[in-house]
Amino acid sequence: MPEQRLPSTTFEDLALPLFDQLYNFARWMAKDDAEAEDLVQETYAKALRGFSSFQAETNFRAWMYRILRNAFLSSRTGLKATVNFDEEEHGEAWPARSSPESLLIEQADRELVQQGLAQLPVHFREILLLCEVEEMSYREISETLGIPVGTVMSRLSRARRALREVLLHKGRGERHGM
């Protein structure tokens, strides 16, 4: 069976609309703006080099995220962040608000969630970001991470549980002065 090539679509047509999403994902993963910029640049360079072998029937978005993820995992930060983690041990839009107090509470909640995400291991953080922030389907996440859809669902469940535990722990610690 011969490889199907992209007919008249250019790399630029497919890749440029993804730039902001990829940069956002890289920032979340690397926790550093400069490293995120480097990761996205490396992703685009690798993708451009390999674009001639990209097959039209595959998901370009997932392909780009996979390149970015691999670049992150092989980076110094990614290597430090991928430590062993016992997954068994850890386990809707906001309504419009008008008062200054409710806006401050909403901002504090957002910051708390961001801090909680930053504390999660990479494999939990990335799956939550791909699902909740990038709004990828389970199939797209599966293609991006190179894992079965069933693993996506179970890991997402464990990641949500771990984030919930981190947030509950942070909430208890703040109330008790810790």
N, C-alpha and C. Protein backbone atom coordinates (compact mmCIF):
# COMPACT_ATOMS: atom_id res chain seq x y z
N MET A 1 0.85 -1.18 0.00
CA MET A 1 0.00 0.00 0.00
C MET A 1 0.89 1.24 0.00
N PRO A 2 0.80 2.10 -0.98
CA PRO A 2 1.64 3.29 -1.05
C PRO A 2 1.25 4.32 0.01
N GLU A 3 2.23 5.08 0.45
CA GLU A 3 1.95 6.15 1.42
C GLU A 3 1.09 7.21 0.78
N GLN A 4 0.12 7.72 1.53
CA GLN A 4 -0.67 8.82 1.03
C GLN A 4 0.00 10.12 1.46
N ARG A 5 0.27 10.96 0.55
CA ARG A 5 0.88 12.26 0.84
C ARG A 5 -0.21 13.30 0.92
N LEU A 6 0.07 14.38 1.59
CA LEU A 6 -0.87 15.49 1.64
C LEU A 6 -0.87 16.16 0.27
N PRO A 7 -2.03 16.28 -0.35
CA PRO A 7 -2.08 16.79 -1.72
C PRO A 7 -1.48 18.18 -1.87
N SER A 8 -2.22 19.21 -1.59
CA SER A 8 -1.72 20.57 -1.81
C SER A 8 -1.56 21.33 -0.50
N THR A 9 -1.78 20.67 0.60
CA THR A 9 -1.67 21.31 1.90
C THR A 9 -0.19 21.51 2.23
N THR A 10 0.13 22.69 2.68
CA THR A 10 1.51 22.95 3.05
C THR A 10 1.68 22.80 4.55
N PHE A 11 2.92 22.63 4.95
CA PHE A 11 3.24 22.56 6.37
C PHE A 11 2.73 23.80 7.08
N GLU A 12 2.95 24.94 6.47
CA GLU A 12 2.53 26.21 7.07
C GLU A 12 1.01 26.24 7.31
N ASP A 13 0.24 25.75 6.35
CA ASP A 13 -1.23 25.74 6.49
C ASP A 13 -1.68 24.93 7.70
N LEU A 14 -1.02 23.84 7.94
CA LEU A 14 -1.40 22.95 9.04
C LEU A 14 -0.78 23.36 10.38
N ALA A 15 0.46 23.80 10.36
CA ALA A 15 1.22 23.99 11.59
C ALA A 15 1.01 25.35 12.25
N LEU A 16 0.93 26.40 11.48
CA LEU A 16 0.84 27.74 12.08
C LEU A 16 -0.39 27.94 12.97
N PRO A 17 -1.56 27.42 12.61
CA PRO A 17 -2.71 27.59 13.51
C PRO A 17 -2.54 26.92 14.88
N LEU A 18 -1.60 25.99 14.99
CA LEU A 18 -1.38 25.27 16.24
C LEU A 18 -0.36 25.95 17.15
N PHE A 19 0.29 26.99 16.67
CA PHE A 19 1.41 27.58 17.41
C PHE A 19 1.05 27.97 18.84
N ASP A 20 0.00 28.75 19.03
CA ASP A 20 -0.37 29.21 20.37
C ASP A 20 -0.72 28.05 21.29
N GLN A 21 -1.42 27.05 20.76
CA GLN A 21 -1.79 25.89 21.57
C GLN A 21 -0.55 25.11 22.00
N LEU A 22 0.37 24.92 21.07
CA LEU A 22 1.60 24.18 21.39
C LEU A 22 2.45 24.95 22.40
N TYR A 23 2.54 26.25 22.23
CA TYR A 23 3.32 27.05 23.18
C TYR A 23 2.69 27.00 24.57
N ASN A 24 1.38 27.10 24.63
CA ASN A 24 0.68 27.03 25.92
C ASN A 24 0.95 25.69 26.61
N PHE A 25 0.85 24.60 25.84
CA PHE A 25 1.11 23.28 26.39
C PHE A 25 2.56 23.17 26.87
N ALA A 26 3.49 23.68 26.07
CA ALA A 26 4.91 23.64 26.45
C ALA A 26 5.16 24.43 27.72
N ARG A 27 4.52 25.58 27.87
CA ARG A 27 4.68 26.39 29.09
C ARG A 27 4.19 25.64 30.32
N TRP A 28 3.06 24.97 30.19
CA TRP A 28 2.53 24.20 31.31
C TRP A 28 3.47 23.06 31.68
N MET A 29 4.00 22.41 30.66
CA MET A 29 4.86 21.26 30.93
C MET A 29 6.21 21.69 31.49
N ALA A 30 6.84 22.67 30.88
CA ALA A 30 8.19 23.06 31.26
C ALA A 30 8.22 24.01 32.46
N LYS A 31 7.13 24.73 32.69
CA LYS A 31 7.04 25.72 33.77
C LYS A 31 8.06 26.84 33.60
N ASP A 32 8.43 27.12 32.35
CA ASP A 32 9.42 28.15 32.08
C ASP A 32 9.19 28.68 30.66
N ASP A 33 9.02 30.00 30.54
CA ASP A 33 8.72 30.60 29.23
C ASP A 33 9.83 30.36 28.22
N ALA A 34 11.07 30.58 28.62
CA ALA A 34 12.19 30.43 27.69
C ALA A 34 12.32 28.99 27.21
N GLU A 35 12.17 28.04 28.12
CA GLU A 35 12.27 26.65 27.71
C GLU A 35 11.09 26.27 26.83
N ALA A 36 9.91 26.81 27.12
CA ALA A 36 8.74 26.55 26.27
C ALA A 36 8.99 27.03 24.85
N GLU A 37 9.58 28.22 24.73
CA GLU A 37 9.91 28.74 23.39
C GLU A 37 10.87 27.82 22.67
N ASP A 38 11.89 27.34 23.38
CA ASP A 38 12.86 26.42 22.78
C ASP A 38 12.19 25.11 22.34
N LEU A 39 11.30 24.61 23.19
CA LEU A 39 10.61 23.35 22.87
C LEU A 39 9.73 23.50 21.63
N VAL A 40 9.02 24.61 21.53
CA VAL A 40 8.16 24.83 20.37
C VAL A 40 9.01 25.00 19.11
N GLN A 41 10.10 25.72 19.23
CA GLN A 41 10.99 25.89 18.08
C GLN A 41 11.54 24.53 17.64
N GLU A 42 11.96 23.72 18.58
CA GLU A 42 12.47 22.39 18.25
C GLU A 42 11.37 21.53 17.62
N THR A 43 10.15 21.65 18.14
CA THR A 43 9.02 20.90 17.61
C THR A 43 8.77 21.25 16.14
N TYR A 44 8.74 22.54 15.85
CA TYR A 44 8.50 22.97 14.47
C TYR A 44 9.64 22.56 13.54
N ALA A 45 10.86 22.63 14.02
CA ALA A 45 12.00 22.23 13.19
C ALA A 45 11.93 20.73 12.87
N LYS A 46 11.65 19.91 13.89
CA LYS A 46 11.56 18.47 13.66
C LYS A 46 10.37 18.13 12.77
N ALA A 47 9.25 18.79 13.00
CA ALA A 47 8.05 18.51 12.21
C ALA A 47 8.27 18.91 10.74
N LEU A 48 8.92 20.03 10.53
CA LEU A 48 9.19 20.46 9.16
C LEU A 48 10.11 19.47 8.45
N ARG A 49 11.14 19.01 9.16
CA ARG A 49 12.05 18.01 8.57
C ARG A 49 11.32 16.72 8.23
N GLY A 50 10.37 16.33 9.07
CA GLY A 50 9.67 15.06 8.86
C GLY A 50 8.36 15.19 8.11
N PHE A 51 8.00 16.37 7.67
CA PHE A 51 6.70 16.60 7.05
C PHE A 51 6.50 15.78 5.78
N SER A 52 7.55 15.55 5.04
CA SER A 52 7.41 14.79 3.79
C SER A 52 6.96 13.35 4.05
N SER A 53 7.21 12.85 5.25
CA SER A 53 6.78 11.48 5.57
C SER A 53 5.45 11.45 6.33
N PHE A 54 4.87 12.61 6.59
CA PHE A 54 3.58 12.66 7.29
C PHE A 54 2.51 12.09 6.37
N GLN A 55 1.70 11.19 6.90
CA GLN A 55 0.66 10.54 6.11
C GLN A 55 -0.66 11.28 6.30
N ALA A 56 -1.35 11.55 5.20
CA ALA A 56 -2.56 12.37 5.21
C ALA A 56 -3.67 11.80 6.08
N GLU A 57 -3.76 10.51 6.22
CA GLU A 57 -4.87 9.93 6.98
C GLU A 57 -4.66 9.99 8.49
N THR A 58 -3.53 10.46 8.93
CA THR A 58 -3.27 10.57 10.36
C THR A 58 -3.61 11.96 10.87
N ASN A 59 -3.67 12.10 12.17
CA ASN A 59 -4.08 13.33 12.83
C ASN A 59 -2.87 14.26 13.00
N PHE A 60 -2.83 15.34 12.24
CA PHE A 60 -1.69 16.26 12.27
C PHE A 60 -1.52 16.89 13.65
N ARG A 61 -2.60 17.31 14.26
CA ARG A 61 -2.54 17.95 15.58
C ARG A 61 -1.90 17.01 16.60
N ALA A 62 -2.37 15.77 16.63
CA ALA A 62 -1.80 14.79 17.56
C ALA A 62 -0.33 14.54 17.24
N TRP A 63 0.02 14.52 15.95
CA TRP A 63 1.40 14.32 15.53
C TRP A 63 2.29 15.44 16.06
N MET A 64 1.83 16.68 15.98
CA MET A 64 2.61 17.83 16.47
C MET A 64 2.76 17.77 18.00
N TYR A 65 1.67 17.46 18.69
CA TYR A 65 1.75 17.36 20.15
C TYR A 65 2.69 16.24 20.57
N ARG A 66 2.70 15.16 19.81
CA ARG A 66 3.60 14.05 20.14
C ARG A 66 5.06 14.47 19.98
N ILE A 67 5.35 15.22 18.93
CA ILE A 67 6.71 15.72 18.72
C ILE A 67 7.10 16.64 19.87
N LEU A 68 6.19 17.53 20.25
CA LEU A 68 6.45 18.45 21.37
C LEU A 68 6.66 17.67 22.66
N ARG A 69 5.82 16.72 22.92
CA ARG A 69 5.95 15.91 24.14
C ARG A 69 7.29 15.19 24.17
N ASN A 70 7.67 14.59 23.07
CA ASN A 70 8.95 13.88 23.01
C ASN A 70 10.12 14.84 23.21
N ALA A 71 10.01 16.03 22.64
CA ALA A 71 11.06 17.04 22.84
C ALA A 71 11.15 17.41 24.31
N PHE A 72 10.00 17.57 24.96
CA PHE A 72 9.99 17.90 26.39
C PHE A 72 10.60 16.76 27.21
N LEU A 73 10.17 15.54 26.94
CA LEU A 73 10.66 14.40 27.72
C LEU A 73 12.16 14.20 27.58
N SER A 74 12.72 14.58 26.44
CA SER A 74 14.16 14.43 26.26
C SER A 74 14.93 15.68 26.70
N SER A 75 14.22 16.72 27.10
CA SER A 75 14.88 17.93 27.59
C SER A 75 15.35 17.71 29.03
N ARG A 76 16.20 18.60 29.50
CA ARG A 76 16.71 18.50 30.87
C ARG A 76 15.57 18.56 31.88
N THR A 77 14.63 19.48 31.70
CA THR A 77 13.49 19.61 32.61
C THR A 77 12.62 18.37 32.56
N GLY A 78 12.37 17.88 31.36
CA GLY A 78 11.54 16.69 31.21
C GLY A 78 12.15 15.47 31.85
N LEU A 79 13.46 15.32 31.72
CA LEU A 79 14.13 14.19 32.34
C LEU A 79 14.06 14.25 33.85
N LYS A 80 14.16 15.47 34.40
CA LYS A 80 14.05 15.64 35.86
C LYS A 80 12.63 15.39 36.34
N ALA A 81 11.65 15.74 35.52
CA ALA A 81 10.25 15.66 35.93
C ALA A 81 9.68 14.26 35.84
N THR A 82 10.31 13.37 35.10
CA THR A 82 9.76 12.03 34.93
C THR A 82 10.35 11.09 35.97
N VAL A 83 9.87 11.21 37.17
CA VAL A 83 10.28 10.33 38.25
C VAL A 83 9.22 9.26 38.45
N ASN A 84 9.59 8.18 39.12
CA ASN A 84 8.61 7.14 39.40
C ASN A 84 7.52 7.69 40.31
N PHE A 85 6.29 7.32 40.00
CA PHE A 85 5.14 7.82 40.76
C PHE A 85 4.15 6.68 40.89
N ASP A 86 3.75 6.38 42.12
CA ASP A 86 2.81 5.31 42.36
C ASP A 86 1.40 5.83 42.11
N GLU A 87 0.84 5.50 40.94
CA GLU A 87 -0.48 6.00 40.57
C GLU A 87 -1.57 5.48 41.48
N GLU A 88 -1.41 4.30 42.04
CA GLU A 88 -2.43 3.74 42.91
C GLU A 88 -2.52 4.51 44.23
N GLU A 89 -1.40 5.06 44.67
CA GLU A 89 -1.37 5.78 45.95
C GLU A 89 -2.00 7.15 45.82
N HIS A 90 -1.84 7.75 44.68
CA HIS A 90 -2.37 9.09 44.44
C HIS A 90 -3.58 8.99 43.50
N GLY A 91 -3.84 9.09 43.75
CA GLY A 91 -4.92 8.89 42.85
C GLY A 91 -5.44 10.12 41.95
N GLU A 92 -17.45 22.52 33.96
CA GLU A 92 -18.30 23.50 33.24
C GLU A 92 -17.80 24.92 33.37
N ALA A 93 -17.93 25.79 32.51
CA ALA A 93 -17.37 27.15 32.57
C ALA A 93 -17.94 27.90 33.76
N TRP A 94 -17.12 28.82 34.28
CA TRP A 94 -17.57 29.63 35.40
C TRP A 94 -18.67 30.58 34.97
N PRO A 95 -19.69 30.75 35.81
CA PRO A 95 -20.72 31.73 35.47
C PRO A 95 -20.14 33.14 35.59
N ALA A 96 -20.72 34.05 34.84
CA ALA A 96 -20.26 35.44 34.89
C ALA A 96 -20.55 36.01 36.28
N ARG A 97 -19.57 36.72 36.82
CA ARG A 97 -19.73 37.31 38.16
C ARG A 97 -19.39 38.77 38.04
N SER A 98 -20.05 39.57 38.87
CA SER A 98 -19.83 40.99 38.69
C SER A 98 -19.19 41.67 39.89
N SER A 99 -19.24 41.07 41.06
CA SER A 99 -18.70 41.76 42.23
C SER A 99 -17.18 41.59 42.30
N PRO A 100 -16.49 42.59 42.84
CA PRO A 100 -15.03 42.48 42.98
C PRO A 100 -14.63 41.29 43.85
N GLU A 101 -15.41 41.02 44.88
CA GLU A 101 -15.09 39.89 45.76
C GLU A 101 -15.13 38.57 45.01
N SER A 102 -16.17 38.38 44.20
CA SER A 102 -16.28 37.11 43.47
C SER A 102 -15.20 36.99 42.40
N LEU A 103 -14.79 38.11 41.79
CA LEU A 103 -13.70 38.08 40.82
C LEU A 103 -12.39 37.70 41.49
N LEU A 104 -12.14 38.21 42.70
CA LEU A 104 -10.93 37.86 43.44
C LEU A 104 -10.93 36.38 43.82
N ILE A 105 -12.07 35.89 44.25
CA ILE A 105 -12.19 34.47 44.61
C ILE A 105 -11.94 33.59 43.39
N GLU A 106 -12.52 33.98 42.25
CA GLU A 106 -12.32 33.22 41.02
C GLU A 106 -10.84 33.21 40.62
N GLN A 107 -10.17 34.35 40.74
CA GLN A 107 -8.74 34.43 40.41
C GLN A 107 -7.93 33.57 41.37
N ALA A 108 -8.27 33.59 42.65
CA ALA A 108 -7.55 32.78 43.64
C ALA A 108 -7.75 31.29 43.34
N ASP A 109 -8.98 30.92 42.96
CA ASP A 109 -9.26 29.52 42.61
C ASP A 109 -8.43 29.10 41.40
N ARG A 110 -8.36 29.95 40.40
CA ARG A 110 -7.59 29.65 39.19
C ARG A 110 -6.12 29.46 39.54
N GLU A 111 -5.59 30.33 40.39
CA GLU A 111 -4.19 30.22 40.79
C GLU A 111 -3.94 28.95 41.59
N LEU A 112 -4.91 28.58 42.44
CA LEU A 112 -4.79 27.36 43.22
C LEU A 112 -4.75 26.13 42.32
N VAL A 113 -5.59 26.11 41.30
CA VAL A 113 -5.60 24.99 40.36
C VAL A 113 -4.28 24.95 39.59
N GLN A 114 -3.78 26.10 39.16
CA GLN A 114 -2.50 26.14 38.45
C GLN A 114 -1.37 25.62 39.34
N GLN A 115 -1.37 26.00 40.60
CA GLN A 115 -0.35 25.51 41.53
C GLN A 115 -0.50 24.00 41.73
N GLY A 116 -1.75 23.53 41.82
CA GLY A 116 -1.99 22.10 41.98
C GLY A 116 -1.51 21.32 40.77
N LEU A 117 -1.80 21.82 39.58
CA LEU A 117 -1.33 21.16 38.35
C LEU A 117 0.19 21.08 38.32
N ALA A 118 0.84 22.16 38.73
CA ALA A 118 2.30 22.20 38.71
C ALA A 118 2.92 21.15 39.63
N GLN A 119 2.18 20.74 40.66
CA GLN A 119 2.70 19.74 41.59
C GLN A 119 2.52 18.31 41.11
N LEU A 120 1.70 18.11 40.11
CA LEU A 120 1.44 16.75 39.62
C LEU A 120 2.62 16.23 38.80
N PRO A 121 2.80 14.93 38.79
CA PRO A 121 3.82 14.34 37.91
C PRO A 121 3.47 14.63 36.44
N VAL A 122 4.46 14.61 35.60
CA VAL A 122 4.29 14.97 34.19
C VAL A 122 3.18 14.17 33.53
N HIS A 123 3.14 12.86 33.73
CA HIS A 123 2.15 12.04 33.02
C HIS A 123 0.73 12.38 33.43
N PHE A 124 0.51 12.89 34.63
CA PHE A 124 -0.82 13.35 35.03
C PHE A 124 -1.09 14.75 34.50
N ARG A 125 -0.10 15.62 34.62
CA ARG A 125 -0.26 17.01 34.17
C ARG A 125 -0.56 17.05 32.67
N GLU A 126 0.20 16.29 31.88
CA GLU A 126 0.02 16.35 30.43
C GLU A 126 -1.34 15.83 30.01
N ILE A 127 -1.84 14.79 30.64
CA ILE A 127 -3.13 14.24 30.21
C ILE A 127 -4.27 15.18 30.59
N LEU A 128 -4.17 15.82 31.76
CA LEU A 128 -5.18 16.81 32.14
C LEU A 128 -5.16 18.01 31.20
N LEU A 129 -3.99 18.47 30.85
CA LEU A 129 -3.88 19.62 29.94
C LEU A 129 -4.42 19.29 28.56
N LEU A 130 -4.08 18.13 28.05
CA LEU A 130 -4.56 17.75 26.72
C LEU A 130 -6.08 17.62 26.70
N CYS A 131 -6.65 17.08 27.76
CA CYS A 131 -8.09 16.87 27.80
C CYS A 131 -8.85 18.15 28.15
N GLU A 132 -8.47 18.79 29.22
CA GLU A 132 -9.25 19.91 29.74
C GLU A 132 -8.90 21.26 29.11
N VAL A 133 -7.64 21.50 28.82
CA VAL A 133 -7.23 22.79 28.27
C VAL A 133 -7.25 22.75 26.74
N GLU A 134 -6.63 21.73 26.17
CA GLU A 134 -6.56 21.63 24.70
C GLU A 134 -7.80 20.99 24.10
N GLU A 135 -8.67 20.44 24.95
CA GLU A 135 -9.94 19.84 24.55
C GLU A 135 -9.78 18.76 23.48
N MET A 136 -8.75 17.94 23.65
CA MET A 136 -8.55 16.82 22.73
C MET A 136 -9.49 15.68 23.11
N SER A 137 -9.89 14.92 22.11
CA SER A 137 -10.70 13.72 22.36
C SER A 137 -9.79 12.64 22.95
N TYR A 138 -10.39 11.60 23.51
CA TYR A 138 -9.60 10.50 24.05
C TYR A 138 -8.75 9.88 22.94
N ARG A 139 -9.31 9.79 21.74
CA ARG A 139 -8.58 9.21 20.61
C ARG A 139 -7.36 10.07 20.26
N GLU A 140 -7.54 11.39 20.24
CA GLU A 140 -6.41 12.29 19.95
C GLU A 140 -5.33 12.18 21.03
N ILE A 141 -5.77 12.11 22.28
CA ILE A 141 -4.81 11.97 23.38
C ILE A 141 -4.06 10.64 23.23
N SER A 142 -4.80 9.59 22.89
CA SER A 142 -4.19 8.28 22.69
C SER A 142 -3.11 8.34 21.61
N GLU A 143 -3.41 9.01 20.51
CA GLU A 143 -2.44 9.15 19.41
C GLU A 143 -1.25 10.01 19.84
N THR A 144 -1.53 11.06 20.59
CA THR A 144 -0.47 11.97 21.02
C THR A 144 0.50 11.29 21.97
N LEU A 145 -0.05 10.58 22.94
CA LEU A 145 0.79 9.96 23.97
C LEU A 145 1.25 8.55 23.59
N GLY A 146 0.66 7.98 22.56
CA GLY A 146 1.05 6.63 22.15
C GLY A 146 0.61 5.57 23.14
N ILE A 147 -0.58 5.76 23.71
CA ILE A 147 -1.13 4.80 24.68
C ILE A 147 -2.55 4.44 24.25
N PRO A 148 -3.05 3.28 24.68
CA PRO A 148 -4.42 2.89 24.32
C PRO A 148 -5.47 3.84 24.93
N VAL A 149 -6.63 3.91 24.29
CA VAL A 149 -7.71 4.78 24.76
C VAL A 149 -8.12 4.41 26.20
N GLY A 150 -8.14 3.13 26.50
CA GLY A 150 -8.48 2.69 27.86
C GLY A 150 -7.50 3.24 28.90
N THR A 151 -6.24 3.28 28.54
CA THR A 151 -5.22 3.84 29.43
C THR A 151 -5.43 5.34 29.58
N VAL A 152 -5.82 6.01 28.50
CA VAL A 152 -6.13 7.44 28.58
C VAL A 152 -7.22 7.68 29.62
N MET A 153 -8.28 6.89 29.54
CA MET A 153 -9.40 7.08 30.45
C MET A 153 -9.02 6.80 31.90
N SER A 154 -8.28 5.72 32.13
CA SER A 154 -7.92 5.41 33.52
C SER A 154 -6.89 6.40 34.06
N ARG A 155 -5.93 6.80 33.23
CA ARG A 155 -4.93 7.77 33.69
C ARG A 155 -5.57 9.13 33.95
N LEU A 156 -6.53 9.51 33.12
CA LEU A 156 -7.24 10.77 33.32
C LEU A 156 -8.02 10.74 34.63
N SER A 157 -8.63 9.62 34.91
CA SER A 157 -9.35 9.48 36.18
C SER A 157 -8.40 9.60 37.36
N ARG A 158 -7.26 8.92 37.29
CA ARG A 158 -6.27 9.00 38.38
C ARG A 158 -5.68 10.41 38.48
N ALA A 159 -5.49 11.07 37.35
CA ALA A 159 -4.94 12.43 37.36
C ALA A 159 -5.92 13.39 38.02
N ARG A 160 -7.18 13.25 37.69
CA ARG A 160 -8.21 14.11 38.32
C ARG A 160 -8.26 13.87 39.82
N ARG A 161 -8.17 12.60 40.21
CA ARG A 161 -8.18 12.26 41.64
C ARG A 161 -6.96 12.84 42.34
N ALA A 162 -5.80 12.75 41.71
CA ALA A 162 -4.57 13.29 42.29
C ALA A 162 -4.65 14.81 42.42
N LEU A 163 -5.18 15.48 41.40
CA LEU A 163 -5.34 16.93 41.48
C LEU A 163 -6.31 17.31 42.60
N ARG A 164 -7.40 16.57 42.71
CA ARG A 164 -8.37 16.82 43.78
C ARG A 164 -7.70 16.67 45.15
N GLU A 165 -6.86 15.64 45.32
CA GLU A 165 -6.17 15.43 46.60
C GLU A 165 -5.19 16.56 46.89
N VAL A 166 -4.47 16.99 45.87
CA VAL A 166 -3.53 18.11 46.04
C VAL A 166 -4.28 19.36 46.46
N LEU A 167 -5.39 19.63 45.79
CA LEU A 167 -6.16 20.84 46.11
C LEU A 167 -6.78 20.75 47.50
N LEU A 168 -7.27 19.59 47.87
CA LEU A 168 -7.82 19.42 49.23
C LEU A 168 -6.74 19.61 50.28
N HIS A 169 -5.57 19.04 50.02
CA HIS A 169 -4.44 19.16 50.94
C HIS A 169 -4.02 20.61 51.08
N LYS A 170 -3.95 21.34 49.96
CA LYS A 170 -3.58 22.76 49.98
C LYS A 170 -4.61 23.55 50.78
N GLY A 171 -5.88 23.23 50.57
CA GLY A 171 -6.95 23.93 51.29
C GLY A 171 -6.88 23.70 52.78
N ARG A 172 -6.62 22.47 53.18
CA ARG A 172 -6.50 22.17 54.61
C ARG A 172 -5.28 22.83 55.21
N GLY A 173 -4.17 22.82 54.47
CA GLY A 173 -2.92 23.41 54.95
C GLY A 173 -3.06 24.90 55.16
N GLU A 174 -3.75 25.60 54.25
CA GLU A 174 -3.91 27.04 54.38
C GLU A 174 -4.79 27.38 55.56
N ARG A 175 -5.83 26.59 55.79
CA ARG A 175 -6.73 26.89 56.91
C ARG A 175 -6.04 26.66 58.25
N HIS A 176 -5.10 25.70 58.29
CA HIS A 176 -4.44 25.36 59.56
C HIS A 176 -3.10 26.08 59.70
N GLY A 177 -2.86 27.03 58.82
CA GLY A 177 -1.65 27.83 58.93
C GLY A 177 -0.40 27.12 58.48
N MET A 178 -0.51 26.10 57.66
CA MET A 178 0.68 25.35 57.21
C MET A 178 1.21 25.91 55.93
